[in-house]
Amino acid sequence: MRTSHKYSFTLRRLAAAVFGLALLCVSAVAQEPDAPQPAPQQQRPARAPNLMQRLNLSREQREQLREIRRQSEPEVRAQTRRVRLARRALDEAIYADAVDEALVEQRARELSAAQSALVRLRAATELKIRRILTAEQLQLFRTLRQQAQQQQLLQRRLNRNAPPQDGRQ
């Protein structure tokens, strides 16, 4: 059961990273300065500016992000699906009525290969994004990323220390 949890945690981290990258690209597409703004009564409550606004991307940079997203989206979907199917196949092998350790090992290798391909794709995409940022934007991005990671770590610690929601202790 421990191995299954480890794979689930890794898969969730990969999915979160890919989702975060997709949000980065999607929000860049949405940041058109010429786009009409909603009427004041329709605006959402004030909140922290999003990443694209804080990085102050030029129109050309936003277009480049759109192109990166357009190019990478089909492969991200395919690799994410591959990971999901490999995870399911491993679970089925682990929890089959008749356990075949060789099959479990094979399925684990397949899942590892799928996760590895997704990580490489994510790294390549992030490298493309990094190349379009100026030195100042990159430094700000690093700072914001570090702050987000610290906040996620704090949130995980808080969640770990929270009492169970079902009333059990």
N, C-alpha and C. Protein backbone atom coordinates (compact mmCIF):
# COMPACT_ATOMS: atom_id res chain seq x y z
N MET A 1 0.83 -1.19 0.00
CA MET A 1 0.00 0.00 0.00
C MET A 1 0.87 1.24 0.00
N ARG A 2 2.03 1.18 0.65
CA ARG A 2 2.93 2.32 0.73
C ARG A 2 3.40 2.73 -0.66
N THR A 3 3.74 1.75 -1.52
CA THR A 3 4.18 2.04 -2.87
C THR A 3 3.09 2.76 -3.65
N SER A 4 1.87 2.32 -3.51
CA SER A 4 0.75 2.95 -4.21
C SER A 4 0.62 4.40 -3.80
N HIS A 5 0.76 4.70 -2.51
CA HIS A 5 0.66 6.08 -2.02
C HIS A 5 1.78 6.93 -2.61
N LYS A 6 2.99 6.36 -2.68
CA LYS A 6 4.14 7.08 -3.23
C LYS A 6 3.89 7.45 -4.68
N TYR A 7 3.36 6.52 -5.47
CA TYR A 7 3.08 6.81 -6.87
C TYR A 7 1.97 7.84 -7.00
N SER A 8 0.94 7.75 -6.16
CA SER A 8 -0.15 8.72 -6.19
C SER A 8 0.37 10.11 -5.88
N PHE A 9 1.23 10.23 -4.88
CA PHE A 9 1.78 11.53 -4.50
C PHE A 9 2.59 12.11 -5.66
N THR A 10 3.44 11.29 -6.29
CA THR A 10 4.24 11.75 -7.42
C THR A 10 3.35 12.17 -8.57
N LEU A 11 2.33 11.39 -8.85
CA LEU A 11 1.42 11.72 -9.93
C LEU A 11 0.69 13.03 -9.64
N ARG A 12 0.25 13.21 -8.40
CA ARG A 12 -0.43 14.46 -8.06
C ARG A 12 0.50 15.64 -8.23
N ARG A 13 1.75 15.49 -7.83
CA ARG A 13 2.73 16.57 -7.99
C ARG A 13 2.94 16.89 -9.46
N LEU A 14 3.06 15.85 -10.29
CA LEU A 14 3.25 16.08 -11.72
C LEU A 14 2.02 16.74 -12.33
N ALA A 15 0.86 16.25 -11.96
CA ALA A 15 -0.37 16.84 -12.50
C ALA A 15 -0.49 18.30 -12.07
N ALA A 16 -0.14 18.59 -10.83
CA ALA A 16 -0.21 19.97 -10.35
C ALA A 16 0.77 20.85 -11.11
N ALA A 17 1.95 20.33 -11.38
CA ALA A 17 2.93 21.11 -12.11
C ALA A 17 2.46 21.39 -13.54
N VAL A 18 1.95 20.38 -14.20
CA VAL A 18 1.45 20.56 -15.56
C VAL A 18 0.26 21.51 -15.56
N PHE A 19 -0.63 21.34 -14.59
CA PHE A 19 -1.80 22.23 -14.49
C PHE A 19 -1.34 23.66 -14.25
N GLY A 20 -0.35 23.84 -13.38
CA GLY A 20 0.17 25.18 -13.12
C GLY A 20 0.77 25.80 -14.36
N LEU A 21 1.49 25.00 -15.12
CA LEU A 21 2.07 25.48 -16.36
C LEU A 21 0.97 25.85 -17.35
N ALA A 22 -0.04 25.02 -17.45
CA ALA A 22 -1.16 25.33 -18.35
C ALA A 22 -1.84 26.63 -17.93
N LEU A 23 -2.03 26.81 -16.62
CA LEU A 23 -2.63 28.05 -16.14
C LEU A 23 -1.76 29.24 -16.48
N LEU A 24 -0.46 29.07 -16.38
CA LEU A 24 0.46 30.14 -16.73
C LEU A 24 0.24 30.57 -18.17
N CYS A 25 0.17 29.60 -19.05
CA CYS A 25 -0.02 29.91 -20.47
C CYS A 25 -1.43 30.44 -20.75
N VAL A 26 -2.43 29.85 -20.13
CA VAL A 26 -3.80 30.30 -20.35
C VAL A 26 -3.98 31.72 -19.85
N SER A 27 -3.41 32.04 -18.69
CA SER A 27 -3.57 33.39 -18.17
C SER A 27 -2.84 34.39 -19.05
N ALA A 28 -1.77 33.96 -19.69
CA ALA A 28 -1.08 34.86 -20.60
C ALA A 28 -1.98 35.19 -21.78
N VAL A 29 -2.71 34.21 -22.26
CA VAL A 29 -3.64 34.45 -23.37
C VAL A 29 -4.73 35.41 -22.94
N ALA A 30 -5.16 35.29 -21.70
CA ALA A 30 -6.26 36.11 -21.21
C ALA A 30 -5.85 37.53 -20.89
N GLN A 31 -4.57 37.83 -20.87
CA GLN A 31 -4.11 39.14 -20.45
C GLN A 31 -3.98 40.12 -21.60
N GLU A 32 -4.95 40.25 -22.41
CA GLU A 32 -4.95 41.21 -23.49
C GLU A 32 -5.25 42.59 -22.92
N PRO A 33 -4.34 43.55 -23.07
CA PRO A 33 -4.60 44.86 -22.50
C PRO A 33 -5.73 45.59 -23.20
N ASP A 34 -6.02 45.25 -24.45
CA ASP A 34 -7.07 45.92 -25.19
C ASP A 34 -8.45 45.31 -24.94
N ALA A 35 -8.49 44.19 -24.22
CA ALA A 35 -9.76 43.51 -24.00
C ALA A 35 -10.67 44.39 -23.15
N PRO A 36 -11.96 44.43 -23.47
CA PRO A 36 -12.88 45.25 -22.68
C PRO A 36 -12.97 44.71 -21.26
N GLN A 37 -13.00 45.62 -20.31
CA GLN A 37 -13.10 45.25 -18.91
C GLN A 37 -14.57 45.21 -18.51
N PRO A 38 -14.94 44.31 -17.58
CA PRO A 38 -16.33 44.26 -17.14
C PRO A 38 -16.70 45.57 -16.44
N ALA A 39 -17.97 45.87 -16.44
CA ALA A 39 -18.46 47.06 -15.75
C ALA A 39 -18.09 46.95 -14.28
N PRO A 40 -17.89 48.09 -13.59
CA PRO A 40 -17.45 48.03 -12.19
C PRO A 40 -18.32 47.14 -11.31
N GLN A 41 -19.61 47.13 -11.51
CA GLN A 41 -20.47 46.32 -10.65
C GLN A 41 -20.29 44.83 -10.94
N GLN A 42 -19.69 44.47 -12.09
CA GLN A 42 -19.49 43.06 -12.43
C GLN A 42 -18.10 42.57 -12.05
N GLN A 43 -17.22 43.46 -11.64
CA GLN A 43 -15.85 43.05 -11.34
C GLN A 43 -15.81 42.20 -10.08
N ARG A 44 -14.83 41.32 -10.06
CA ARG A 44 -14.61 40.46 -8.89
C ARG A 44 -13.99 41.30 -7.78
N PRO A 45 -14.07 40.79 -6.56
CA PRO A 45 -13.41 41.49 -5.46
C PRO A 45 -11.91 41.60 -5.73
N ALA A 46 -11.29 42.63 -5.18
CA ALA A 46 -9.87 42.84 -5.40
C ALA A 46 -9.08 41.67 -4.84
N ARG A 47 -8.05 41.27 -5.58
CA ARG A 47 -7.16 40.20 -5.12
C ARG A 47 -5.77 40.48 -5.67
N ALA A 48 -4.83 39.68 -5.28
CA ALA A 48 -3.46 39.90 -5.72
C ALA A 48 -3.39 39.79 -7.24
N PRO A 49 -2.58 40.64 -7.87
CA PRO A 49 -2.46 40.57 -9.33
C PRO A 49 -1.92 39.20 -9.74
N ASN A 50 -2.36 38.74 -10.90
CA ASN A 50 -1.89 37.42 -11.33
C ASN A 50 -0.44 37.50 -11.83
N LEU A 51 0.11 36.35 -12.07
CA LEU A 51 1.51 36.24 -12.43
C LEU A 51 1.83 37.04 -13.69
N MET A 52 0.99 36.96 -14.69
CA MET A 52 1.27 37.65 -15.94
C MET A 52 1.29 39.17 -15.74
N GLN A 53 0.40 39.67 -14.93
CA GLN A 53 0.40 41.10 -14.66
C GLN A 53 1.64 41.50 -13.88
N ARG A 54 2.00 40.69 -12.91
CA ARG A 54 3.16 41.03 -12.08
C ARG A 54 4.46 40.97 -12.87
N LEU A 55 4.51 40.09 -13.87
CA LEU A 55 5.72 40.00 -14.69
C LEU A 55 5.75 41.09 -15.76
N ASN A 56 4.62 41.74 -15.99
CA ASN A 56 4.53 42.83 -16.97
C ASN A 56 5.03 42.38 -18.35
N LEU A 57 4.43 41.32 -18.87
CA LEU A 57 4.83 40.77 -20.16
C LEU A 57 4.41 41.69 -21.30
N SER A 58 5.24 41.76 -22.31
CA SER A 58 4.92 42.54 -23.51
C SER A 58 3.92 41.75 -24.36
N ARG A 59 3.34 42.43 -25.33
CA ARG A 59 2.41 41.77 -26.25
C ARG A 59 3.13 40.62 -26.97
N GLU A 60 4.35 40.86 -27.39
CA GLU A 60 5.12 39.82 -28.08
C GLU A 60 5.35 38.61 -27.18
N GLN A 61 5.68 38.85 -25.92
CA GLN A 61 5.89 37.74 -24.98
C GLN A 61 4.61 36.95 -24.78
N ARG A 62 3.47 37.64 -24.66
CA ARG A 62 2.20 36.94 -24.50
C ARG A 62 1.89 36.09 -25.74
N GLU A 63 2.20 36.61 -26.91
CA GLU A 63 1.99 35.84 -28.14
C GLU A 63 2.90 34.62 -28.17
N GLN A 64 4.13 34.78 -27.71
CA GLN A 64 5.05 33.64 -27.66
C GLN A 64 4.53 32.58 -26.69
N LEU A 65 3.99 33.01 -25.56
CA LEU A 65 3.42 32.06 -24.60
C LEU A 65 2.24 31.32 -25.21
N ARG A 66 1.41 32.03 -25.94
CA ARG A 66 0.29 31.39 -26.62
C ARG A 66 0.78 30.30 -27.57
N GLU A 67 1.83 30.61 -28.30
CA GLU A 67 2.37 29.65 -29.26
C GLU A 67 2.98 28.44 -28.54
N ILE A 68 3.68 28.67 -27.47
CA ILE A 68 4.23 27.56 -26.68
C ILE A 68 3.10 26.66 -26.20
N ARG A 69 2.05 27.27 -25.69
CA ARG A 69 0.90 26.50 -25.21
C ARG A 69 0.25 25.72 -26.35
N ARG A 70 0.05 26.38 -27.46
CA ARG A 70 -0.58 25.72 -28.61
C ARG A 70 0.24 24.51 -29.05
N GLN A 71 1.55 24.66 -29.06
CA GLN A 71 2.41 23.56 -29.51
C GLN A 71 2.48 22.43 -28.49
N SER A 72 2.50 22.75 -27.22
CA SER A 72 2.72 21.72 -26.21
C SER A 72 1.43 21.05 -25.72
N GLU A 73 0.30 21.71 -25.87
CA GLU A 73 -0.94 21.19 -25.30
C GLU A 73 -1.29 19.77 -25.74
N PRO A 74 -1.23 19.44 -27.04
CA PRO A 74 -1.58 18.05 -27.42
C PRO A 74 -0.67 17.00 -26.78
N GLU A 75 0.61 17.28 -26.71
CA GLU A 75 1.52 16.31 -26.12
C GLU A 75 1.34 16.23 -24.60
N VAL A 76 1.06 17.36 -23.96
CA VAL A 76 0.80 17.34 -22.52
C VAL A 76 -0.42 16.47 -22.23
N ARG A 77 -1.47 16.66 -23.02
CA ARG A 77 -2.67 15.82 -22.84
C ARG A 77 -2.34 14.35 -23.02
N ALA A 78 -1.61 14.04 -24.09
CA ALA A 78 -1.28 12.64 -24.37
C ALA A 78 -0.43 12.03 -23.27
N GLN A 79 0.57 12.77 -22.80
CA GLN A 79 1.45 12.25 -21.75
C GLN A 79 0.71 12.12 -20.42
N THR A 80 -0.17 13.07 -20.13
CA THR A 80 -0.96 12.99 -18.90
C THR A 80 -1.87 11.78 -18.95
N ARG A 81 -2.47 11.53 -20.09
CA ARG A 81 -3.32 10.34 -20.27
C ARG A 81 -2.49 9.07 -20.10
N ARG A 82 -1.30 9.07 -20.68
CA ARG A 82 -0.41 7.91 -20.57
C ARG A 82 -0.09 7.62 -19.10
N VAL A 83 0.20 8.65 -18.33
CA VAL A 83 0.49 8.47 -16.90
C VAL A 83 -0.74 7.92 -16.18
N ARG A 84 -1.89 8.50 -16.48
CA ARG A 84 -3.13 8.05 -15.82
C ARG A 84 -3.41 6.58 -16.12
N LEU A 85 -3.26 6.18 -17.38
CA LEU A 85 -3.51 4.79 -17.75
C LEU A 85 -2.48 3.84 -17.13
N ALA A 86 -1.22 4.28 -17.09
CA ALA A 86 -0.17 3.45 -16.48
C ALA A 86 -0.42 3.30 -14.98
N ARG A 87 -0.89 4.38 -14.35
CA ARG A 87 -1.22 4.33 -12.91
C ARG A 87 -2.35 3.32 -12.67
N ARG A 88 -3.37 3.37 -13.53
CA ARG A 88 -4.50 2.45 -13.40
C ARG A 88 -4.05 1.01 -13.61
N ALA A 89 -3.19 0.79 -14.62
CA ALA A 89 -2.70 -0.57 -14.88
C ALA A 89 -1.88 -1.10 -13.71
N LEU A 90 -1.07 -0.23 -13.10
CA LEU A 90 -0.30 -0.66 -11.93
C LEU A 90 -1.23 -1.00 -10.77
N ASP A 91 -2.20 -0.15 -10.52
CA ASP A 91 -3.16 -0.44 -9.45
C ASP A 91 -3.87 -1.77 -9.67
N GLU A 92 -4.28 -2.01 -10.90
CA GLU A 92 -4.96 -3.27 -11.21
C GLU A 92 -4.04 -4.46 -10.97
N ALA A 93 -2.76 -4.32 -11.33
CA ALA A 93 -1.82 -5.42 -11.12
C ALA A 93 -1.58 -5.65 -9.64
N ILE A 94 -1.47 -4.56 -8.88
CA ILE A 94 -1.22 -4.69 -7.44
C ILE A 94 -2.41 -5.33 -6.73
N TYR A 95 -3.60 -4.95 -7.10
CA TYR A 95 -4.79 -5.39 -6.37
C TYR A 95 -5.55 -6.52 -7.06
N ALA A 96 -4.92 -7.17 -8.03
CA ALA A 96 -5.54 -8.31 -8.69
C ALA A 96 -5.70 -9.46 -7.69
N ASP A 97 -6.69 -10.32 -7.95
CA ASP A 97 -6.91 -11.46 -7.06
C ASP A 97 -5.67 -12.35 -6.99
N ALA A 98 -5.07 -12.60 -8.15
CA ALA A 98 -3.84 -13.38 -8.20
C ALA A 98 -2.70 -12.42 -8.54
N VAL A 99 -1.85 -12.13 -7.57
CA VAL A 99 -0.79 -11.16 -7.75
C VAL A 99 0.36 -11.78 -8.54
N ASP A 100 0.78 -11.07 -9.58
CA ASP A 100 1.93 -11.46 -10.40
C ASP A 100 3.00 -10.39 -10.19
N GLU A 101 4.00 -10.71 -9.38
CA GLU A 101 5.01 -9.71 -9.04
C GLU A 101 5.76 -9.20 -10.26
N ALA A 102 5.98 -10.05 -11.24
CA ALA A 102 6.67 -9.62 -12.46
C ALA A 102 5.81 -8.59 -13.21
N LEU A 103 4.51 -8.82 -13.22
CA LEU A 103 3.60 -7.87 -13.88
C LEU A 103 3.57 -6.54 -13.12
N VAL A 104 3.55 -6.62 -11.80
CA VAL A 104 3.57 -5.39 -10.99
C VAL A 104 4.84 -4.60 -11.29
N GLU A 105 5.97 -5.29 -11.34
CA GLU A 105 7.24 -4.62 -11.64
C GLU A 105 7.22 -4.00 -13.05
N GLN A 106 6.66 -4.73 -14.01
CA GLN A 106 6.57 -4.21 -15.38
C GLN A 106 5.68 -2.96 -15.40
N ARG A 107 4.54 -3.03 -14.73
CA ARG A 107 3.62 -1.87 -14.69
C ARG A 107 4.26 -0.68 -13.98
N ALA A 108 5.05 -0.96 -12.95
CA ALA A 108 5.76 0.12 -12.25
C ALA A 108 6.77 0.79 -13.18
N ARG A 109 7.48 -0.02 -13.97
CA ARG A 109 8.42 0.54 -14.94
C ARG A 109 7.69 1.37 -15.99
N GLU A 110 6.53 0.90 -16.44
CA GLU A 110 5.75 1.65 -17.42
C GLU A 110 5.28 2.99 -16.85
N LEU A 111 4.83 2.97 -15.60
CA LEU A 111 4.41 4.21 -14.96
C LEU A 111 5.60 5.15 -14.81
N SER A 112 6.72 4.62 -14.39
CA SER A 112 7.92 5.44 -14.24
C SER A 112 8.33 6.07 -15.57
N ALA A 113 8.26 5.32 -16.64
CA ALA A 113 8.61 5.85 -17.96
C ALA A 113 7.63 6.94 -18.39
N ALA A 114 6.35 6.73 -18.11
CA ALA A 114 5.34 7.73 -18.46
C ALA A 114 5.54 9.02 -17.66
N GLN A 115 5.81 8.86 -16.36
CA GLN A 115 6.05 10.04 -15.51
C GLN A 115 7.31 10.77 -15.96
N SER A 116 8.32 10.02 -16.31
CA SER A 116 9.58 10.60 -16.76
C SER A 116 9.37 11.40 -18.05
N ALA A 117 8.60 10.86 -18.96
CA ALA A 117 8.32 11.58 -20.22
C ALA A 117 7.56 12.88 -19.93
N LEU A 118 6.64 12.83 -19.00
CA LEU A 118 5.88 14.03 -18.64
C LEU A 118 6.78 15.07 -17.98
N VAL A 119 7.69 14.63 -17.14
CA VAL A 119 8.64 15.56 -16.50
C VAL A 119 9.53 16.20 -17.55
N ARG A 120 10.02 15.41 -18.50
CA ARG A 120 10.87 15.97 -19.56
C ARG A 120 10.10 16.98 -20.41
N LEU A 121 8.84 16.67 -20.70
CA LEU A 121 8.02 17.59 -21.47
C LEU A 121 7.81 18.89 -20.70
N ARG A 122 7.52 18.77 -19.43
CA ARG A 122 7.33 19.96 -18.59
C ARG A 122 8.60 20.80 -18.54
N ALA A 123 9.73 20.15 -18.38
CA ALA A 123 11.01 20.87 -18.32
C ALA A 123 11.28 21.59 -19.64
N ALA A 124 11.04 20.92 -20.75
CA ALA A 124 11.27 21.54 -22.06
C ALA A 124 10.35 22.74 -22.25
N THR A 125 9.11 22.61 -21.82
CA THR A 125 8.15 23.71 -21.96
C THR A 125 8.55 24.87 -21.07
N GLU A 126 8.92 24.59 -19.84
CA GLU A 126 9.33 25.65 -18.93
C GLU A 126 10.60 26.34 -19.43
N LEU A 127 11.49 25.60 -20.05
CA LEU A 127 12.70 26.19 -20.62
C LEU A 127 12.34 27.16 -21.74
N LYS A 128 11.38 26.77 -22.57
CA LYS A 128 10.92 27.67 -23.63
C LYS A 128 10.34 28.95 -23.04
N ILE A 129 9.57 28.79 -21.99
CA ILE A 129 8.97 29.96 -21.33
C ILE A 129 10.07 30.83 -20.72
N ARG A 130 11.02 30.20 -20.08
CA ARG A 130 12.10 30.96 -19.46
C ARG A 130 12.85 31.79 -20.48
N ARG A 131 13.03 31.27 -21.67
CA ARG A 131 13.79 31.97 -22.70
C ARG A 131 13.13 33.26 -23.17
N ILE A 132 11.83 33.39 -22.96
CA ILE A 132 11.18 34.61 -23.42
C ILE A 132 11.14 35.69 -22.34
N LEU A 133 11.54 35.37 -21.13
CA LEU A 133 11.54 36.35 -20.04
C LEU A 133 12.83 37.16 -20.05
N THR A 134 12.70 38.44 -19.72
CA THR A 134 13.88 39.27 -19.55
C THR A 134 14.55 38.88 -18.23
N ALA A 135 15.76 39.38 -18.01
CA ALA A 135 16.48 39.07 -16.77
C ALA A 135 15.68 39.52 -15.55
N GLU A 136 15.06 40.70 -15.63
CA GLU A 136 14.27 41.23 -14.52
C GLU A 136 13.03 40.37 -14.28
N GLN A 137 12.36 39.99 -15.37
CA GLN A 137 11.17 39.14 -15.25
C GLN A 137 11.53 37.79 -14.66
N LEU A 138 12.66 37.24 -15.08
CA LEU A 138 13.10 35.95 -14.57
C LEU A 138 13.39 36.03 -13.07
N GLN A 139 14.05 37.08 -12.65
CA GLN A 139 14.35 37.24 -11.22
C GLN A 139 13.06 37.36 -10.42
N LEU A 140 12.10 38.15 -10.91
CA LEU A 140 10.82 38.29 -10.22
C LEU A 140 10.09 36.95 -10.21
N PHE A 141 10.12 36.23 -11.33
CA PHE A 141 9.47 34.93 -11.40
C PHE A 141 10.07 33.98 -10.37
N ARG A 142 11.38 33.96 -10.26
CA ARG A 142 12.04 33.10 -9.27
C ARG A 142 11.57 33.42 -7.85
N THR A 143 11.51 34.71 -7.57
CA THR A 143 11.07 35.15 -6.23
C THR A 143 9.63 34.70 -5.97
N LEU A 144 8.75 34.95 -6.94
CA LEU A 144 7.34 34.57 -6.78
C LEU A 144 7.18 33.06 -6.66
N ARG A 145 7.97 32.33 -7.44
CA ARG A 145 7.92 30.86 -7.40
C ARG A 145 8.36 30.35 -6.03
N GLN A 146 9.43 30.95 -5.51
CA GLN A 146 9.92 30.54 -4.19
C GLN A 146 8.87 30.83 -3.11
N GLN A 147 8.22 31.97 -3.20
CA GLN A 147 7.18 32.31 -2.24
C GLN A 147 6.03 31.31 -2.32
N ALA A 148 5.64 30.95 -3.54
CA ALA A 148 4.55 29.99 -3.73
C ALA A 148 4.94 28.62 -3.16
N GLN A 149 6.17 28.20 -3.37
CA GLN A 149 6.62 26.92 -2.82
C GLN A 149 6.60 26.94 -1.30
N GLN A 150 7.03 28.04 -0.71
CA GLN A 150 7.01 28.14 0.75
C GLN A 150 5.57 28.10 1.27
N GLN A 151 4.68 28.75 0.56
CA GLN A 151 3.27 28.75 0.98
C GLN A 151 2.68 27.34 0.85
N GLN A 152 3.03 26.62 -0.21
CA GLN A 152 2.54 25.25 -0.36
C GLN A 152 3.08 24.36 0.75
N LEU A 153 4.33 24.52 1.10
CA LEU A 153 4.93 23.74 2.19
C LEU A 153 4.21 24.02 3.50
N LEU A 154 3.96 25.28 3.77
CA LEU A 154 3.23 25.66 4.97
C LEU A 154 1.83 25.05 4.98
N GLN A 155 1.15 25.10 3.84
CA GLN A 155 -0.19 24.54 3.74
C GLN A 155 -0.18 23.03 3.98
N ARG A 156 0.82 22.34 3.42
CA ARG A 156 0.93 20.89 3.65
C ARG A 156 1.14 20.59 5.12
N ARG A 157 1.97 21.40 5.77
CA ARG A 157 2.21 21.19 7.20
C ARG A 157 0.94 21.42 8.00
N LEU A 158 0.21 22.46 7.65
CA LEU A 158 -1.04 22.75 8.34
C LEU A 158 -2.04 21.61 8.12
N ASN A 159 -2.13 21.12 6.90
CA ASN A 159 -3.05 20.02 6.59
C ASN A 159 -2.66 18.74 7.33
N ARG A 160 -1.37 18.50 7.46
CA ARG A 160 -0.89 17.32 8.15
C ARG A 160 -1.25 17.37 9.64
N ASN A 161 -1.23 18.56 10.19
CA ASN A 161 -1.49 18.72 11.62
C ASN A 161 -2.96 18.95 11.93
N ALA A 162 -3.80 19.08 10.91
CA ALA A 162 -5.23 19.30 11.13
C ALA A 162 -5.88 18.03 11.65
N PRO A 163 -6.86 18.15 12.52
CA PRO A 163 -7.56 16.95 13.01
C PRO A 163 -8.37 16.32 11.88
N PRO A 164 -8.57 15.01 11.92
CA PRO A 164 -9.36 14.34 10.89
C PRO A 164 -10.77 14.93 10.83
N GLN A 165 -11.30 15.00 9.62
CA GLN A 165 -12.62 15.60 9.43
C GLN A 165 -13.76 14.66 9.74
N ASP A 166 -13.46 13.37 9.84
CA ASP A 166 -14.54 12.43 10.11
C ASP A 166 -14.77 12.21 11.60
N GLY A 167 -14.08 13.01 12.43
CA GLY A 167 -14.29 12.93 13.86
C GLY A 167 -13.40 11.95 14.58
N ARG A 168 -12.63 11.10 13.81
CA ARG A 168 -11.73 10.14 14.44
C ARG A 168 -10.44 10.84 14.83
N GLN A 169 -9.80 10.31 15.83
CA GLN A 169 -8.51 10.90 16.28
C GLN A 169 -7.39 9.92 16.07
